[in-house]
Amino acid sequence: MTETIALLTIFVLAAFVGVEVISKVSSTLHTPLMSGANAIHGVILVGAIIVTGQSDSALVTVIGLLAVVLATVNMVGGFVVTDRMLQMFRGPAARKKELHK
């Protein structure tokens, strides 16, 4: 029971630290930060696939499949957000050309 409480405490503290760190990042650094986060999400996705592939029980397989789906959604969403943020920095002529493709 104490191990569970310790792990929960670490998780909550990490969440608070993450919120504080992200809230202090200036808007010009969000795109590079998102690119780094996308790379980390790719590593998480590969790890979820490996763990799911090596599972022996049905419960671990179901949880692993859920982890793969959520990691995929997270990674794709990160790339979409990064692309939209990069489009904000393009000039009007580049946006107009992109619309006519």
N, C-alpha and C. Protein backbone atom coordinates (compact mmCIF):
# COMPACT_ATOMS: atom_id res chain seq x y z
N MET A 1 0.82 -1.20 0.00
CA MET A 1 0.00 0.00 0.00
C MET A 1 0.86 1.27 0.00
N THR A 2 1.96 1.25 0.74
CA THR A 2 2.81 2.44 0.80
C THR A 2 3.49 2.70 -0.54
N GLU A 3 3.79 1.62 -1.29
CA GLU A 3 4.40 1.81 -2.61
C GLU A 3 3.42 2.50 -3.55
N THR A 4 2.16 2.13 -3.47
CA THR A 4 1.13 2.76 -4.30
C THR A 4 1.00 4.24 -3.96
N ILE A 5 1.01 4.57 -2.69
CA ILE A 5 0.92 5.96 -2.27
C ILE A 5 2.15 6.74 -2.73
N ALA A 6 3.32 6.13 -2.64
CA ALA A 6 4.55 6.80 -3.09
C ALA A 6 4.50 7.06 -4.59
N LEU A 7 4.05 6.06 -5.37
CA LEU A 7 3.95 6.25 -6.82
C LEU A 7 2.91 7.31 -7.18
N LEU A 8 1.80 7.32 -6.48
CA LEU A 8 0.77 8.33 -6.72
C LEU A 8 1.28 9.72 -6.37
N THR A 9 2.04 9.83 -5.28
CA THR A 9 2.63 11.10 -4.89
C THR A 9 3.59 11.61 -5.95
N ILE A 10 4.43 10.72 -6.47
CA ILE A 10 5.38 11.10 -7.53
C ILE A 10 4.63 11.57 -8.77
N PHE A 11 3.56 10.86 -9.13
CA PHE A 11 2.77 11.23 -10.30
C PHE A 11 2.15 12.62 -10.13
N VAL A 12 1.57 12.89 -8.98
CA VAL A 12 0.93 14.19 -8.73
C VAL A 12 1.97 15.30 -8.74
N LEU A 13 3.11 15.08 -8.10
CA LEU A 13 4.17 16.09 -8.11
C LEU A 13 4.70 16.34 -9.51
N ALA A 14 4.86 15.27 -10.30
CA ALA A 14 5.31 15.43 -11.69
C ALA A 14 4.30 16.23 -12.50
N ALA A 15 3.01 16.00 -12.26
CA ALA A 15 1.98 16.76 -12.97
C ALA A 15 2.07 18.24 -12.63
N PHE A 16 2.23 18.56 -11.34
CA PHE A 16 2.36 19.96 -10.93
C PHE A 16 3.61 20.61 -11.52
N VAL A 17 4.72 19.91 -11.50
CA VAL A 17 5.95 20.45 -12.08
C VAL A 17 5.79 20.66 -13.58
N GLY A 18 5.16 19.71 -14.26
CA GLY A 18 4.93 19.85 -15.70
C GLY A 18 4.08 21.05 -16.04
N VAL A 19 3.02 21.28 -15.28
CA VAL A 19 2.15 22.44 -15.51
C VAL A 19 2.93 23.73 -15.28
N GLU A 20 3.72 23.79 -14.23
CA GLU A 20 4.50 24.99 -13.94
C GLU A 20 5.54 25.27 -15.03
N VAL A 21 6.21 24.23 -15.47
CA VAL A 21 7.24 24.41 -16.51
C VAL A 21 6.62 24.87 -17.82
N ILE A 22 5.54 24.23 -18.23
CA ILE A 22 4.90 24.58 -19.51
C ILE A 22 4.30 25.98 -19.44
N SER A 23 3.74 26.37 -18.33
CA SER A 23 3.11 27.69 -18.23
C SER A 23 4.14 28.82 -18.29
N LYS A 24 5.40 28.53 -17.99
CA LYS A 24 6.44 29.56 -18.01
C LYS A 24 7.12 29.68 -19.37
N VAL A 25 6.78 28.82 -20.33
CA VAL A 25 7.43 28.85 -21.64
C VAL A 25 6.80 29.97 -22.48
N SER A 26 7.66 30.78 -23.11
CA SER A 26 7.13 31.86 -23.95
C SER A 26 6.52 31.29 -25.22
N SER A 27 5.67 32.06 -25.87
CA SER A 27 4.94 31.56 -27.04
C SER A 27 5.87 31.25 -28.21
N THR A 28 7.02 31.91 -28.30
CA THR A 28 7.94 31.64 -29.41
C THR A 28 8.65 30.30 -29.26
N LEU A 29 8.65 29.75 -28.06
CA LEU A 29 9.32 28.47 -27.84
C LEU A 29 8.36 27.28 -27.87
N HIS A 30 7.06 27.52 -28.02
CA HIS A 30 6.11 26.42 -27.99
C HIS A 30 6.29 25.45 -29.15
N THR A 31 6.60 25.95 -30.35
CA THR A 31 6.75 25.06 -31.51
C THR A 31 7.94 24.12 -31.33
N PRO A 32 9.13 24.59 -30.94
CA PRO A 32 10.22 23.63 -30.69
C PRO A 32 9.91 22.68 -29.54
N LEU A 33 9.20 23.17 -28.54
CA LEU A 33 8.83 22.32 -27.41
C LEU A 33 7.88 21.22 -27.88
N MET A 34 6.93 21.56 -28.74
CA MET A 34 6.00 20.57 -29.27
C MET A 34 6.74 19.55 -30.13
N SER A 35 7.73 19.98 -30.89
CA SER A 35 8.49 19.05 -31.72
C SER A 35 9.23 18.04 -30.84
N GLY A 36 9.80 18.50 -29.76
CA GLY A 36 10.46 17.58 -28.83
C GLY A 36 9.47 16.64 -28.17
N ALA A 37 8.29 17.16 -27.84
CA ALA A 37 7.26 16.32 -27.24
C ALA A 37 6.79 15.26 -28.23
N ASN A 38 6.70 15.62 -29.51
CA ASN A 38 6.30 14.64 -30.53
C ASN A 38 7.31 13.50 -30.61
N ALA A 39 8.58 13.81 -30.49
CA ALA A 39 9.60 12.76 -30.51
C ALA A 39 9.46 11.84 -29.31
N ILE A 40 9.19 12.42 -28.16
CA ILE A 40 8.99 11.61 -26.95
C ILE A 40 7.75 10.74 -27.10
N HIS A 41 6.69 11.28 -27.69
CA HIS A 41 5.47 10.49 -27.89
C HIS A 41 5.72 9.33 -28.84
N GLY A 42 6.61 9.51 -29.81
CA GLY A 42 6.98 8.40 -30.70
C GLY A 42 7.67 7.29 -29.94
N VAL A 43 8.54 7.64 -29.02
CA VAL A 43 9.22 6.64 -28.20
C VAL A 43 8.22 5.92 -27.30
N ILE A 44 7.27 6.66 -26.75
CA ILE A 44 6.24 6.05 -25.92
C ILE A 44 5.40 5.07 -26.73
N LEU A 45 5.08 5.44 -27.96
CA LEU A 45 4.29 4.56 -28.83
C LEU A 45 5.05 3.27 -29.13
N VAL A 46 6.32 3.38 -29.43
CA VAL A 46 7.13 2.17 -29.69
C VAL A 46 7.19 1.29 -28.44
N GLY A 47 7.36 1.90 -27.28
CA GLY A 47 7.38 1.13 -26.03
C GLY A 47 6.06 0.43 -25.77
N ALA A 48 4.95 1.11 -26.04
CA ALA A 48 3.63 0.49 -25.85
C ALA A 48 3.44 -0.69 -26.80
N ILE A 49 3.92 -0.55 -28.03
CA ILE A 49 3.81 -1.65 -28.99
C ILE A 49 4.65 -2.85 -28.54
N ILE A 50 5.86 -2.59 -28.06
CA ILE A 50 6.73 -3.68 -27.61
C ILE A 50 6.12 -4.40 -26.41
N VAL A 51 5.64 -3.64 -25.44
CA VAL A 51 5.06 -4.26 -24.24
C VAL A 51 3.81 -5.05 -24.60
N THR A 52 2.98 -4.51 -25.47
CA THR A 52 1.76 -5.21 -25.87
C THR A 52 2.09 -6.48 -26.64
N GLY A 53 3.10 -6.43 -27.48
CA GLY A 53 3.49 -7.60 -28.26
C GLY A 53 4.05 -8.73 -27.41
N GLN A 54 4.62 -8.42 -26.27
CA GLN A 54 5.21 -9.44 -25.41
C GLN A 54 4.30 -9.88 -24.28
N SER A 55 3.05 -9.42 -24.27
CA SER A 55 2.15 -9.75 -23.16
C SER A 55 1.67 -11.19 -23.24
N ASP A 56 1.43 -11.76 -22.07
CA ASP A 56 0.95 -13.15 -21.98
C ASP A 56 -0.51 -13.23 -21.55
N SER A 57 -1.00 -12.20 -20.90
CA SER A 57 -2.39 -12.27 -20.41
C SER A 57 -3.28 -11.35 -21.24
N ALA A 58 -4.56 -11.65 -21.20
CA ALA A 58 -5.53 -10.86 -21.97
C ALA A 58 -5.67 -9.45 -21.40
N LEU A 59 -5.58 -9.31 -20.08
CA LEU A 59 -5.70 -8.00 -19.46
C LEU A 59 -4.56 -7.08 -19.89
N VAL A 60 -3.34 -7.60 -19.89
CA VAL A 60 -2.18 -6.79 -20.31
C VAL A 60 -2.31 -6.43 -21.78
N THR A 61 -2.82 -7.34 -22.59
CA THR A 61 -3.01 -7.05 -24.01
C THR A 61 -4.03 -5.93 -24.22
N VAL A 62 -5.12 -5.98 -23.48
CA VAL A 62 -6.15 -4.94 -23.60
C VAL A 62 -5.62 -3.59 -23.13
N ILE A 63 -4.92 -3.58 -22.01
CA ILE A 63 -4.36 -2.32 -21.51
C ILE A 63 -3.28 -1.81 -22.47
N GLY A 64 -2.48 -2.72 -23.02
CA GLY A 64 -1.47 -2.32 -23.99
C GLY A 64 -2.08 -1.76 -25.27
N LEU A 65 -3.16 -2.38 -25.72
CA LEU A 65 -3.85 -1.87 -26.91
C LEU A 65 -4.39 -0.47 -26.65
N LEU A 66 -4.95 -0.27 -25.47
CA LEU A 66 -5.43 1.06 -25.10
C LEU A 66 -4.27 2.07 -25.07
N ALA A 67 -3.12 1.63 -24.55
CA ALA A 67 -1.94 2.50 -24.51
C ALA A 67 -1.47 2.85 -25.92
N VAL A 68 -1.50 1.87 -26.83
CA VAL A 68 -1.08 2.13 -28.22
C VAL A 68 -2.04 3.12 -28.88
N VAL A 69 -3.33 2.94 -28.67
CA VAL A 69 -4.31 3.86 -29.28
C VAL A 69 -4.15 5.27 -28.72
N LEU A 70 -4.04 5.40 -27.41
CA LEU A 70 -3.90 6.73 -26.81
C LEU A 70 -2.58 7.39 -27.21
N ALA A 71 -1.49 6.63 -27.27
CA ALA A 71 -0.20 7.20 -27.68
C ALA A 71 -0.25 7.64 -29.14
N THR A 72 -0.95 6.88 -29.98
CA THR A 72 -1.08 7.26 -31.39
C THR A 72 -1.88 8.55 -31.53
N VAL A 73 -2.99 8.64 -30.83
CA VAL A 73 -3.81 9.85 -30.87
C VAL A 73 -3.01 11.05 -30.36
N ASN A 74 -2.26 10.85 -29.31
CA ASN A 74 -1.45 11.92 -28.73
C ASN A 74 -0.38 12.39 -29.70
N MET A 75 0.28 11.45 -30.35
CA MET A 75 1.36 11.80 -31.28
C MET A 75 0.80 12.51 -32.52
N VAL A 76 -0.25 11.97 -33.10
CA VAL A 76 -0.84 12.60 -34.29
C VAL A 76 -1.37 13.99 -33.95
N GLY A 77 -2.03 14.11 -32.81
CA GLY A 77 -2.52 15.42 -32.38
C GLY A 77 -1.40 16.42 -32.19
N GLY A 78 -0.28 15.96 -31.67
CA GLY A 78 0.88 16.85 -31.51
C GLY A 78 1.42 17.35 -32.83
N PHE A 79 1.47 16.46 -33.83
CA PHE A 79 1.93 16.88 -35.15
C PHE A 79 0.95 17.86 -35.79
N VAL A 80 -0.34 17.65 -35.60
CA VAL A 80 -1.35 18.57 -36.16
C VAL A 80 -1.21 19.95 -35.51
N VAL A 81 -1.06 19.98 -34.20
CA VAL A 81 -0.91 21.26 -33.50
C VAL A 81 0.37 21.96 -33.94
N THR A 82 1.47 21.22 -34.07
CA THR A 82 2.73 21.82 -34.51
C THR A 82 2.60 22.39 -35.91
N ASP A 83 1.94 21.65 -36.81
CA ASP A 83 1.75 22.14 -38.18
C ASP A 83 0.92 23.42 -38.19
N ARG A 84 -0.13 23.47 -37.40
CA ARG A 84 -0.96 24.68 -37.36
C ARG A 84 -0.19 25.85 -36.77
N MET A 85 0.65 25.58 -35.78
CA MET A 85 1.44 26.66 -35.20
C MET A 85 2.45 27.20 -36.21
N LEU A 86 3.05 26.30 -36.99
CA LEU A 86 4.01 26.75 -38.00
C LEU A 86 3.32 27.54 -39.10
N GLN A 87 2.08 27.21 -39.43
CA GLN A 87 1.34 27.97 -40.44
C GLN A 87 1.08 29.40 -39.97
N MET A 88 1.00 29.62 -38.68
CA MET A 88 0.78 30.97 -38.17
C MET A 88 1.97 31.88 -38.47
N PHE A 89 3.17 31.30 -38.60
CA PHE A 89 4.37 32.11 -38.81
C PHE A 89 4.65 32.36 -40.29
N ARG A 90 3.89 31.74 -41.17
CA ARG A 90 4.09 31.96 -42.60
C ARG A 90 3.40 33.26 -43.01
N GLY A 91 3.91 33.84 -44.08
CA GLY A 91 3.32 35.07 -44.58
C GLY A 91 2.02 34.80 -45.32
N PRO A 92 1.26 35.86 -45.63
CA PRO A 92 -0.02 35.68 -46.32
C PRO A 92 0.13 35.05 -47.70
N ALA A 93 1.21 35.35 -48.42
CA ALA A 93 1.40 34.78 -49.76
C ALA A 93 1.61 33.27 -49.68
N ALA A 94 2.35 32.80 -48.69
CA ALA A 94 2.59 31.36 -48.54
C ALA A 94 1.30 30.64 -48.16
N ARG A 95 0.48 31.27 -47.32
CA ARG A 95 -0.80 30.65 -46.94
C ARG A 95 -1.75 30.58 -48.13
N LYS A 96 -1.74 31.64 -48.96
CA LYS A 96 -2.62 31.66 -50.14
C LYS A 96 -2.21 30.59 -51.13
N LYS A 97 -0.89 30.43 -51.33
CA LYS A 97 -0.38 29.40 -52.24
C LYS A 97 -0.74 28.02 -51.74
N GLU A 98 -0.69 27.81 -50.44
CA GLU A 98 -1.01 26.52 -49.86
C GLU A 98 -2.49 26.18 -50.01
N LEU A 99 -3.35 27.17 -49.99
CA LEU A 99 -4.78 26.93 -50.15
C LEU A 99 -5.13 26.48 -51.57
N HIS A 100 -4.33 26.90 -52.56
CA HIS A 100 -4.62 26.55 -53.96
C HIS A 100 -4.03 25.24 -54.40
N LYS A 101 -3.38 24.53 -53.50
CA LYS A 101 -2.80 23.23 -53.87
C LYS A 101 -3.85 22.19 -54.10
